[in-house]
Amino acid sequence: MLTERTPRVVSAVKLRRGAERRKTGRFLVEGENAVSAALDAGVVLHDVFHTESAASRYGTLLARADASGGRVAPVTDRAIRGLSDTVTPPGIVAVAEVLDAALADVLAATPRLLAVPVEIGEPGNAGTLVRVTDAMGGDGVVFAGDAVDPHNGKVVRASAGSLFHVPIVRERDPLAAVHALRDAGVQVLATTVDGDVDLDEADELLARPTAWLFGSEAHGLAAEVAREADHAVTIPIRGRAESLNLATAASICLYQSARVQARTMPPRRPPSAGSPRGRDRGHAR
């Protein structure tokens, strides 16, 4: 049984830090649902650590991980606590390759619906946005600017497995991302409080391939980025709430796009298991 001092465990614990994830190109996947989603997507798991009690609960999952080539190993409860950033660790943690996709590859697949959070900093909102994009049949999430690491443990948990279902792109320059989207024939819509289009009246716009820009929780969308959008769209608020948080606004906008596109665009064949929307990701280098 491995302990918190075993080199493999020590190396894995370091992946809780962003700098180590960037250095190694690996991140931690915690919990039954996330590990199962990673395997379903064909992601290579280099290590799978589990407690003795978890072995009885997740025997089938551990067998799948072992069959996929992952190094499955029991660890002490103390070791699993070091690997986890939750108060009550679920008892299973895997080491996977980061999921970065290239924006050019995503655009080459003729996407219909993309979410582009700009300078997003809150991990819970980021993970929820990935989950909503997946639920609405979106073709990817582009984290633009100085955004939270999508491989942060809180993001992974909040995505509820959806991180492995849609392409994840990181683009440091928001304006470069917007220009690439427009050059690929994808219209860019910005969410603002004083837009030129009311979301209730936007069905004609939403029938086109669309990338939604969502601003940061603290400062919203920067003016220089919003100006580059094809249209600024406002979500009507009919009650007394002052505003909507990022995840809520994104859910509304992505749902509206998915609703219109389902009615006006031909259906696409759903991706097969182990082939998440046409990308080759997460395989060992």
C-alpha atoms as a PDB file:
ATOM      1  CA  MET A   1       0.000   0.000   0.000  1.00  0.00           C
ATOM      2  CA  LEU A   2       1.295   3.447  -0.930  1.00  0.00           C
ATOM      3  CA  THR A   3       1.671   6.174   1.663  1.00  0.00           C
ATOM      4  CA  GLU A   4       1.925   9.963   1.566  1.00  0.00           C
ATOM      5  CA  ARG A   5       5.720   9.535   1.314  1.00  0.00           C
ATOM      6  CA  THR A   6       5.684   7.287  -1.755  1.00  0.00           C
ATOM      7  CA  PRO A   7       7.239   9.214  -4.696  1.00  0.00           C
ATOM      8  CA  ARG A   8       4.248   8.564  -6.979  1.00  0.00           C
ATOM      9  CA  VAL A   9       1.916  10.000  -4.379  1.00  0.00           C
ATOM     10  CA  VAL A  10       4.213  12.938  -3.637  1.00  0.00           C
ATOM     11  CA  SER A  11       4.343  13.799  -7.350  1.00  0.00           C
ATOM     12  CA  ALA A  12       0.577  13.572  -7.642  1.00  0.00           C
ATOM     13  CA  VAL A  13      -0.035  15.807  -4.616  1.00  0.00           C
ATOM     14  CA  LYS A  14       2.014  18.535  -6.296  1.00  0.00           C
ATOM     15  CA  LEU A  15      -0.592  18.625  -9.082  1.00  0.00           C
ATOM     16  CA  ARG A  16      -2.903  20.495  -6.746  1.00  0.00           C
ATOM     17  CA  ARG A  17      -0.768  23.520  -7.649  1.00  0.00           C
ATOM     18  CA  GLY A  18      -1.287  25.267 -10.975  1.00  0.00           C
ATOM     19  CA  ALA A  19       2.440  25.660 -11.589  1.00  0.00           C
ATOM     20  CA  GLU A  20       2.961  21.902 -11.357  1.00  0.00           C
ATOM     21  CA  ARG A  21       0.033  21.230 -13.697  1.00  0.00           C
ATOM     22  CA  ARG A  22       1.536  23.593 -16.259  1.00  0.00           C
ATOM     23  CA  LYS A  23       4.962  21.998 -15.846  1.00  0.00           C
ATOM     24  CA  THR A  24       3.846  18.380 -16.182  1.00  0.00           C
ATOM     25  CA  GLY A  25       0.755  18.676 -18.373  1.00  0.00           C
ATOM     26  CA  ARG A  26      -1.209  16.560 -15.891  1.00  0.00           C
ATOM     27  CA  PHE A  27      -3.987  17.163 -13.389  1.00  0.00           C
ATOM     28  CA  LEU A  28      -6.008  15.386 -10.717  1.00  0.00           C
ATOM     29  CA  VAL A  29      -9.414  13.830 -11.326  1.00  0.00           C
ATOM     30  CA  GLU A  30     -11.284  13.103  -8.107  1.00  0.00           C
ATOM     31  CA  GLY A  31     -14.388  11.067  -7.469  1.00  0.00           C
ATOM     32  CA  GLU A  32     -16.288   8.228  -9.092  1.00  0.00           C
ATOM     33  CA  ASN A  33     -18.223  10.307 -11.629  1.00  0.00           C
ATOM     34  CA  ALA A  34     -15.223  12.272 -12.872  1.00  0.00           C
ATOM     35  CA  VAL A  35     -12.971   9.218 -13.188  1.00  0.00           C
ATOM     36  CA  SER A  36     -15.723   7.315 -14.996  1.00  0.00           C
ATOM     37  CA  ALA A  37     -16.302  10.240 -17.384  1.00  0.00           C
ATOM     38  CA  ALA A  38     -12.581  10.396 -18.141  1.00  0.00           C
ATOM     39  CA  LEU A  39     -12.499   6.701 -19.007  1.00  0.00           C
ATOM     40  CA  ASP A  40     -15.652   7.015 -21.123  1.00  0.00           C
ATOM     41  CA  ALA A  41     -13.949   9.793 -23.092  1.00  0.00           C
ATOM     42  CA  GLY A  42     -10.865   7.686 -23.746  1.00  0.00           C
ATOM     43  CA  VAL A  43      -8.607   9.825 -21.569  1.00  0.00           C
ATOM     44  CA  VAL A  44      -5.475   8.032 -20.418  1.00  0.00           C
ATOM     45  CA  LEU A  45      -5.206   7.845 -16.638  1.00  0.00           C
ATOM     46  CA  HIS A  46      -1.586   7.458 -15.591  1.00  0.00           C
ATOM     47  CA  ASP A  47      -2.279   6.680 -11.941  1.00  0.00           C
ATOM     48  CA  VAL A  48      -5.442   5.784 -10.058  1.00  0.00           C
ATOM     49  CA  PHE A  49      -5.166   5.922  -6.274  1.00  0.00           C
ATOM     50  CA  HIS A  50      -7.849   4.525  -3.996  1.00  0.00           C
ATOM     51  CA  THR A  51      -8.430   3.689  -0.363  1.00  0.00           C
ATOM     52  CA  GLU A  52      -9.284   0.187   0.827  1.00  0.00           C
ATOM     53  CA  SER A  53     -12.878   1.178   1.521  1.00  0.00           C
ATOM     54  CA  ALA A  54     -13.208   2.722  -1.949  1.00  0.00           C
ATOM     55  CA  ALA A  55     -12.057  -0.539  -3.532  1.00  0.00           C
ATOM     56  CA  SER A  56     -15.230  -2.247  -2.377  1.00  0.00           C
ATOM     57  CA  ARG A  57     -17.438   0.598  -3.629  1.00  0.00           C
ATOM     58  CA  TYR A  58     -15.743   1.202  -6.968  1.00  0.00           C
ATOM     59  CA  GLY A  59     -14.481  -2.247  -7.913  1.00  0.00           C
ATOM     60  CA  THR A  60     -15.887  -2.156 -11.445  1.00  0.00           C
ATOM     61  CA  LEU A  61     -14.496   1.325 -12.065  1.00  0.00           C
ATOM     62  CA  LEU A  62     -11.046   0.343 -10.808  1.00  0.00           C
ATOM     63  CA  ALA A  63     -11.095  -2.713 -13.063  1.00  0.00           C
ATOM     64  CA  ARG A  64     -11.883  -0.450 -16.038  1.00  0.00           C
ATOM     65  CA  ALA A  65      -9.027   1.856 -15.115  1.00  0.00           C
ATOM     66  CA  ASP A  66      -6.648  -1.079 -14.826  1.00  0.00           C
ATOM     67  CA  ALA A  67      -7.767  -2.460 -18.192  1.00  0.00           C
ATOM     68  CA  SER A  68      -7.160   0.954 -19.782  1.00  0.00           C
ATOM     69  CA  GLY A  69      -3.515   0.863 -18.740  1.00  0.00           C
ATOM     70  CA  GLY A  70      -3.656   3.043 -15.654  1.00  0.00           C
ATOM     71  CA  ARG A  71      -1.512   2.157 -12.660  1.00  0.00           C
ATOM     72  CA  VAL A  72      -4.126   1.337 -10.025  1.00  0.00           C
ATOM     73  CA  ALA A  73      -2.822   1.346  -6.470  1.00  0.00           C
ATOM     74  CA  PRO A  74      -4.258   1.325  -2.945  1.00  0.00           C
ATOM     75  CA  VAL A  75      -3.160   4.170  -0.693  1.00  0.00           C
ATOM     76  CA  THR A  76      -3.601   5.041   2.954  1.00  0.00           C
ATOM     77  CA  ASP A  77      -6.394   7.321   4.113  1.00  0.00           C
ATOM     78  CA  ARG A  78      -3.784   9.934   4.980  1.00  0.00           C
ATOM     79  CA  ALA A  79      -2.385   9.797   1.454  1.00  0.00           C
ATOM     80  CA  ILE A  80      -5.819  10.243  -0.121  1.00  0.00           C
ATOM     81  CA  ARG A  81      -6.462  13.271   2.099  1.00  0.00           C
ATOM     82  CA  GLY A  82      -3.303  14.838   0.732  1.00  0.00           C
ATOM     83  CA  LEU A  83      -4.451  14.206  -2.828  1.00  0.00           C
ATOM     84  CA  SER A  84      -7.920  15.610  -2.225  1.00  0.00           C
ATOM     85  CA  ASP A  85      -9.017  19.211  -1.766  1.00  0.00           C
ATOM     86  CA  THR A  86     -12.421  18.256  -0.378  1.00  0.00           C
ATOM     87  CA  VAL A  87     -13.429  18.009   3.270  1.00  0.00           C
ATOM     88  CA  THR A  88     -14.660  14.437   2.806  1.00  0.00           C
ATOM     89  CA  PRO A  89     -12.519  12.724   0.146  1.00  0.00           C
ATOM     90  CA  PRO A  90     -14.408  10.209  -2.010  1.00  0.00           C
ATOM     91  CA  GLY A  91     -11.479   7.800  -1.825  1.00  0.00           C
ATOM     92  CA  ILE A  92     -10.490   7.698  -5.501  1.00  0.00           C
ATOM     93  CA  VAL A  93      -8.163  10.118  -7.319  1.00  0.00           C
ATOM     94  CA  ALA A  94      -6.623   9.731 -10.768  1.00  0.00           C
ATOM     95  CA  VAL A  95      -3.829  11.509 -12.627  1.00  0.00           C
ATOM     96  CA  ALA A  96      -4.772  12.482 -16.183  1.00  0.00           C
ATOM     97  CA  GLU A  97      -3.311  14.487 -19.052  1.00  0.00           C
ATOM     98  CA  VAL A  98      -4.526  18.073 -19.333  1.00  0.00           C
ATOM     99  CA  LEU A  99      -7.363  18.561 -21.799  1.00  0.00           C
ATOM    100  CA  ASP A 100      -6.170  21.556 -23.809  1.00  0.00           C
ATOM    101  CA  ALA A 101      -7.566  21.671 -27.341  1.00  0.00           C
ATOM    102  CA  ALA A 102      -6.387  24.063 -30.053  1.00  0.00           C
ATOM    103  CA  LEU A 103      -8.837  26.775 -31.072  1.00  0.00           C
ATOM    104  CA  ALA A 104      -7.979  26.142 -34.719  1.00  0.00           C
ATOM    105  CA  ASP A 105      -9.010  22.493 -34.367  1.00  0.00           C
ATOM    106  CA  VAL A 106     -12.302  23.418 -32.706  1.00  0.00           C
ATOM    107  CA  LEU A 107     -13.079  25.918 -35.466  1.00  0.00           C
ATOM    108  CA  ALA A 108     -12.135  23.420 -38.174  1.00  0.00           C
ATOM    109  CA  ALA A 109     -14.959  21.198 -36.898  1.00  0.00           C
ATOM    110  CA  THR A 110     -17.521  23.903 -37.892  1.00  0.00           C
ATOM    111  CA  PRO A 111     -18.924  24.564 -34.415  1.00  0.00           C
ATOM    112  CA  ARG A 112     -22.455  25.816 -33.931  1.00  0.00           C
ATOM    113  CA  LEU A 113     -22.321  26.896 -30.314  1.00  0.00           C
ATOM    114  CA  LEU A 114     -19.367  27.974 -28.190  1.00  0.00           C
ATOM    115  CA  ALA A 115     -19.005  29.568 -24.765  1.00  0.00           C
ATOM    116  CA  VAL A 116     -16.192  32.089 -24.339  1.00  0.00           C
ATOM    117  CA  PRO A 117     -15.731  33.182 -20.717  1.00  0.00           C
ATOM    118  CA  VAL A 118     -13.344  36.142 -20.623  1.00  0.00           C
ATOM    119  CA  GLU A 119     -11.146  36.651 -17.543  1.00  0.00           C
ATOM    120  CA  ILE A 120     -13.340  34.302 -15.493  1.00  0.00           C
ATOM    121  CA  GLY A 121     -11.848  33.770 -12.054  1.00  0.00           C
ATOM    122  CA  GLU A 122     -14.349  31.812  -9.958  1.00  0.00           C
ATOM    123  CA  PRO A 123     -13.777  28.043 -10.274  1.00  0.00           C
ATOM    124  CA  GLY A 124     -17.346  27.084  -9.425  1.00  0.00           C
ATOM    125  CA  ASN A 125     -18.755  29.325 -12.145  1.00  0.00           C
ATOM    126  CA  ALA A 126     -16.176  28.026 -14.617  1.00  0.00           C
ATOM    127  CA  GLY A 127     -17.089  24.406 -13.957  1.00  0.00           C
ATOM    128  CA  THR A 128     -20.801  25.156 -14.116  1.00  0.00           C
ATOM    129  CA  LEU A 129     -20.303  26.916 -17.446  1.00  0.00           C
ATOM    130  CA  VAL A 130     -18.576  23.829 -18.852  1.00  0.00           C
ATOM    131  CA  ARG A 131     -21.434  21.674 -17.583  1.00  0.00           C
ATOM    132  CA  VAL A 132     -24.102  23.925 -19.115  1.00  0.00           C
ATOM    133  CA  THR A 133     -22.267  24.086 -22.444  1.00  0.00           C
ATOM    134  CA  ASP A 134     -22.178  20.297 -22.506  1.00  0.00           C
ATOM    135  CA  ALA A 135     -25.857  20.026 -21.570  1.00  0.00           C
ATOM    136  CA  MET A 136     -26.861  22.422 -24.358  1.00  0.00           C
ATOM    137  CA  GLY A 137     -24.899  20.477 -26.964  1.00  0.00           C
ATOM    138  CA  GLY A 138     -22.187  23.119 -27.226  1.00  0.00           C
ATOM    139  CA  ASP A 139     -19.031  22.487 -29.197  1.00  0.00           C
ATOM    140  CA  GLY A 140     -16.465  23.835 -26.760  1.00  0.00           C
ATOM    141  CA  VAL A 141     -15.493  26.318 -24.076  1.00  0.00           C
ATOM    142  CA  VAL A 142     -12.794  28.895 -24.802  1.00  0.00           C
ATOM    143  CA  PHE A 143     -11.239  30.296 -21.624  1.00  0.00           C
ATOM    144  CA  ALA A 144      -9.955  33.678 -22.801  1.00  0.00           C
ATOM    145  CA  GLY A 145      -7.569  36.055 -21.076  1.00  0.00           C
ATOM    146  CA  ASP A 146      -6.239  35.619 -17.558  1.00  0.00           C
ATOM    147  CA  ALA A 147      -8.789  32.955 -16.636  1.00  0.00           C
ATOM    148  CA  VAL A 148      -8.965  30.303 -13.953  1.00  0.00           C
ATOM    149  CA  ASP A 149      -7.195  27.062 -14.802  1.00  0.00           C
ATOM    150  CA  PRO A 150      -9.918  24.702 -16.098  1.00  0.00           C
ATOM    151  CA  HIS A 151      -7.962  21.840 -14.504  1.00  0.00           C
ATOM    152  CA  ASN A 152      -8.315  23.353 -11.040  1.00  0.00           C
ATOM    153  CA  GLY A 153      -9.906  20.797  -8.726  1.00  0.00           C
ATOM    154  CA  LYS A 154     -12.957  22.950  -8.020  1.00  0.00           C
ATOM    155  CA  VAL A 155     -13.566  23.458 -11.746  1.00  0.00           C
ATOM    156  CA  VAL A 156     -13.304  19.728 -12.382  1.00  0.00           C
ATOM    157  CA  ARG A 157     -15.809  18.956  -9.628  1.00  0.00           C
ATOM    158  CA  ALA A 158     -18.266  21.684 -10.651  1.00  0.00           C
ATOM    159  CA  SER A 159     -18.235  20.438 -14.243  1.00  0.00           C
ATOM    160  CA  ALA A 160     -19.602  17.085 -13.005  1.00  0.00           C
ATOM    161  CA  GLY A 161     -17.754  15.147 -15.708  1.00  0.00           C
ATOM    162  CA  SER A 162     -18.571  17.562 -18.536  1.00  0.00           C
ATOM    163  CA  LEU A 163     -14.935  18.673 -18.695  1.00  0.00           C
ATOM    164  CA  PHE A 164     -14.336  15.408 -20.558  1.00  0.00           C
ATOM    165  CA  HIS A 165     -17.262  15.870 -22.959  1.00  0.00           C
ATOM    166  CA  VAL A 166     -16.508  19.182 -24.699  1.00  0.00           C
ATOM    167  CA  PRO A 167     -13.238  20.617 -26.042  1.00  0.00           C
ATOM    168  CA  ILE A 168     -11.507  22.965 -23.617  1.00  0.00           C
ATOM    169  CA  VAL A 169      -9.449  25.778 -25.160  1.00  0.00           C
ATOM    170  CA  ARG A 170      -7.220  28.342 -23.458  1.00  0.00           C
ATOM    171  CA  GLU A 171      -6.452  31.548 -25.372  1.00  0.00           C
ATOM    172  CA  ARG A 172      -4.468  34.205 -23.538  1.00  0.00           C
ATOM    173  CA  ASP A 173      -5.491  37.020 -25.907  1.00  0.00           C
ATOM    174  CA  PRO A 174      -9.275  37.608 -25.868  1.00  0.00           C
ATOM    175  CA  LEU A 175      -9.170  39.793 -28.971  1.00  0.00           C
ATOM    176  CA  ALA A 176      -7.232  37.147 -30.885  1.00  0.00           C
ATOM    177  CA  ALA A 177      -9.890  34.609 -29.918  1.00  0.00           C
ATOM    178  CA  VAL A 178     -12.700  36.889 -31.108  1.00  0.00           C
ATOM    179  CA  HIS A 179     -10.965  37.560 -34.418  1.00  0.00           C
ATOM    180  CA  ALA A 180     -10.355  33.843 -34.989  1.00  0.00           C
ATOM    181  CA  LEU A 181     -14.011  33.087 -34.310  1.00  0.00           C
ATOM    182  CA  ARG A 182     -15.241  35.724 -36.728  1.00  0.00           C
ATOM    183  CA  ASP A 183     -12.742  34.676 -39.399  1.00  0.00           C
ATOM    184  CA  ALA A 184     -14.169  31.150 -39.120  1.00  0.00           C
ATOM    185  CA  GLY A 185     -17.683  32.403 -39.805  1.00  0.00           C
ATOM    186  CA  VAL A 186     -18.901  32.212 -36.218  1.00  0.00           C
ATOM    187  CA  GLN A 187     -20.866  35.245 -35.068  1.00  0.00           C
ATOM    188  CA  VAL A 188     -19.778  36.666 -31.731  1.00  0.00           C
ATOM    189  CA  LEU A 189     -22.396  37.854 -29.244  1.00  0.00           C
ATOM    190  CA  ALA A 190     -21.532  39.717 -26.058  1.00  0.00           C
ATOM    191  CA  THR A 191     -23.704  39.755 -22.958  1.00  0.00           C
ATOM    192  CA  THR A 192     -24.097  43.297 -21.598  1.00  0.00           C
ATOM    193  CA  VAL A 193     -26.589  45.224 -19.483  1.00  0.00           C
ATOM    194  CA  ASP A 194     -27.274  47.765 -22.240  1.00  0.00           C
ATOM    195  CA  GLY A 195     -27.050  45.766 -25.457  1.00  0.00           C
ATOM    196  CA  ASP A 196     -28.512  46.643 -28.837  1.00  0.00           C
ATOM    197  CA  VAL A 197     -30.462  43.352 -28.939  1.00  0.00           C
ATOM    198  CA  ASP A 198     -32.946  42.007 -26.405  1.00  0.00           C
ATOM    199  CA  LEU A 199     -32.533  38.252 -25.932  1.00  0.00           C
ATOM    200  CA  ASP A 200     -36.301  37.822 -26.243  1.00  0.00           C
ATOM    201  CA  GLU A 201     -36.088  39.204 -29.782  1.00  0.00           C
ATOM    202  CA  ALA A 202     -32.876  37.500 -30.891  1.00  0.00           C
ATOM    203  CA  ASP A 203     -34.157  34.275 -32.477  1.00  0.00           C
ATOM    204  CA  GLU A 204     -33.081  35.280 -35.982  1.00  0.00           C
ATOM    205  CA  LEU A 205     -29.549  35.950 -34.752  1.00  0.00           C
ATOM    206  CA  LEU A 206     -29.416  32.777 -32.703  1.00  0.00           C
ATOM    207  CA  ALA A 207     -30.137  30.610 -35.733  1.00  0.00           C
ATOM    208  CA  ARG A 208     -26.522  31.139 -36.822  1.00  0.00           C
ATOM    209  CA  PRO A 209     -23.322  29.516 -35.519  1.00  0.00           C
ATOM    210  CA  THR A 210     -22.634  31.517 -32.369  1.00  0.00           C
ATOM    211  CA  ALA A 211     -19.948  32.158 -29.785  1.00  0.00           C
ATOM    212  CA  TRP A 212     -21.154  33.813 -26.594  1.00  0.00           C
ATOM    213  CA  LEU A 213     -18.778  36.140 -24.716  1.00  0.00           C
ATOM    214  CA  PHE A 214     -19.266  36.206 -20.948  1.00  0.00           C
ATOM    215  CA  GLY A 215     -17.429  38.712 -18.763  1.00  0.00           C
ATOM    216  CA  SER A 216     -15.780  38.172 -15.408  1.00  0.00           C
ATOM    217  CA  GLU A 217     -17.799  38.034 -12.213  1.00  0.00           C
ATOM    218  CA  ALA A 218     -16.184  41.165 -10.772  1.00  0.00           C
ATOM    219  CA  HIS A 219     -15.880  43.489 -13.758  1.00  0.00           C
ATOM    220  CA  GLY A 220     -18.037  42.127 -16.543  1.00  0.00           C
ATOM    221  CA  LEU A 221     -16.851  42.165 -20.129  1.00  0.00           C
ATOM    222  CA  ALA A 222     -14.057  44.625 -20.931  1.00  0.00           C
ATOM    223  CA  ALA A 223     -15.191  47.397 -23.272  1.00  0.00           C
ATOM    224  CA  GLU A 224     -12.482  46.683 -25.835  1.00  0.00           C
ATOM    225  CA  VAL A 225     -13.606  43.068 -26.066  1.00  0.00           C
ATOM    226  CA  ALA A 226     -17.329  43.865 -26.141  1.00  0.00           C
ATOM    227  CA  ARG A 227     -16.751  46.308 -29.016  1.00  0.00           C
ATOM    228  CA  GLU A 228     -15.405  43.479 -31.166  1.00  0.00           C
ATOM    229  CA  ALA A 229     -18.634  41.473 -30.873  1.00  0.00           C
ATOM    230  CA  ASP A 230     -21.121  41.442 -33.724  1.00  0.00           C
ATOM    231  CA  HIS A 231     -23.922  42.315 -31.321  1.00  0.00           C
ATOM    232  CA  ALA A 232     -24.383  43.100 -27.640  1.00  0.00           C
ATOM    233  CA  VAL A 233     -27.278  41.151 -26.152  1.00  0.00           C
ATOM    234  CA  THR A 234     -29.184  41.994 -22.989  1.00  0.00           C
ATOM    235  CA  ILE A 235     -31.067  39.480 -20.866  1.00  0.00           C
ATOM    236  CA  PRO A 236     -34.290  41.158 -19.708  1.00  0.00           C
ATOM    237  CA  ILE A 237     -34.685  41.169 -15.930  1.00  0.00           C
ATOM    238  CA  ARG A 238     -38.321  41.517 -14.969  1.00  0.00           C
ATOM    239  CA  GLY A 239     -37.979  41.210 -11.233  1.00  0.00           C
ATOM    240  CA  ARG A 240     -36.058  43.244  -8.686  1.00  0.00           C
ATOM    241  CA  ALA A 241     -32.711  41.427  -8.969  1.00  0.00           C
ATOM    242  CA  GLU A 242     -29.941  43.848  -9.852  1.00  0.00           C
ATOM    243  CA  SER A 243     -28.052  41.409 -12.052  1.00  0.00           C
ATOM    244  CA  LEU A 244     -27.296  37.768 -12.833  1.00  0.00           C
ATOM    245  CA  ASN A 245     -24.091  35.943 -12.044  1.00  0.00           C
ATOM    246  CA  LEU A 246     -21.992  34.567 -14.864  1.00  0.00           C
ATOM    247  CA  ALA A 247     -23.170  30.971 -14.650  1.00  0.00           C
ATOM    248  CA  THR A 248     -26.835  31.977 -14.599  1.00  0.00           C
ATOM    249  CA  ALA A 249     -26.506  34.399 -17.514  1.00  0.00           C
ATOM    250  CA  ALA A 250     -24.570  31.813 -19.505  1.00  0.00           C
ATOM    251  CA  SER A 251     -27.204  29.164 -18.840  1.00  0.00           C
ATOM    252  CA  ILE A 252     -29.953  31.418 -20.179  1.00  0.00           C
ATOM    253  CA  CYS A 253     -28.040  32.465 -23.300  1.00  0.00           C
ATOM    254  CA  LEU A 254     -26.801  28.991 -24.185  1.00  0.00           C
ATOM    255  CA  TYR A 255     -30.258  27.518 -23.681  1.00  0.00           C
ATOM    256  CA  GLN A 256     -31.797  30.122 -25.986  1.00  0.00           C
ATOM    257  CA  SER A 257     -29.209  29.384 -28.676  1.00  0.00           C
ATOM    258  CA  ALA A 258     -29.675  25.629 -28.338  1.00  0.00           C
ATOM    259  CA  ARG A 259     -33.466  26.014 -28.510  1.00  0.00           C
ATOM    260  CA  VAL A 260     -33.364  28.040 -31.721  1.00  0.00           C
ATOM    261  CA  GLN A 261     -30.663  25.936 -33.353  1.00  0.00           C
ATOM    262  CA  ALA A 262     -32.550  22.719 -32.607  1.00  0.00           C
ATOM    263  CA  ARG A 263     -35.497  24.148 -34.513  1.00  0.00           C
ATOM    264  CA  THR A 264     -33.646  25.711 -37.447  1.00  0.00           C
ATOM    265  CA  MET A 265     -30.535  23.589 -38.046  1.00  0.00           C
ATOM    266  CA  PRO A 266     -30.350  19.963 -39.201  1.00  0.00           C
ATOM    267  CA  PRO A 267     -29.572  17.488 -36.408  1.00  0.00           C
ATOM    268  CA  ARG A 268     -26.035  16.250 -36.029  1.00  0.00           C
ATOM    269  CA  ARG A 269     -25.062  12.680 -35.341  1.00  0.00           C
ATOM    270  CA  PRO A 270     -24.172  12.437 -31.652  1.00  0.00           C
ATOM    271  CA  PRO A 271     -20.557  11.543 -30.819  1.00  0.00           C
ATOM    272  CA  SER A 272     -19.851   7.908 -30.107  1.00  0.00           C
ATOM    273  CA  ALA A 273     -18.587   6.791 -26.710  1.00  0.00           C
ATOM    274  CA  GLY A 274     -14.883   7.428 -26.335  1.00  0.00           C
ATOM    275  CA  SER A 275     -14.929  10.043 -29.097  1.00  0.00           C
ATOM    276  CA  PRO A 276     -15.851  13.316 -27.413  1.00  0.00           C
ATOM    277  CA  ARG A 277     -17.039  15.591 -30.202  1.00  0.00           C
ATOM    278  CA  GLY A 278     -14.306  14.768 -32.625  1.00  0.00           C
ATOM    279  CA  ARG A 279     -11.235  15.690 -30.666  1.00  0.00           C
ATOM    280  CA  ASP A 280      -8.155  13.672 -29.883  1.00  0.00           C
ATOM    281  CA  ARG A 281      -7.322  14.660 -26.372  1.00  0.00           C
ATOM    282  CA  GLY A 282      -5.800  13.488 -23.138  1.00  0.00           C
ATOM    283  CA  HIS A 283      -3.555  10.787 -24.556  1.00  0.00           C
ATOM    284  CA  ALA A 284      -0.091  10.124 -23.219  1.00  0.00           C
ATOM    285  CA  ARG A 285       2.710  12.016 -24.842  1.00  0.00           C
END
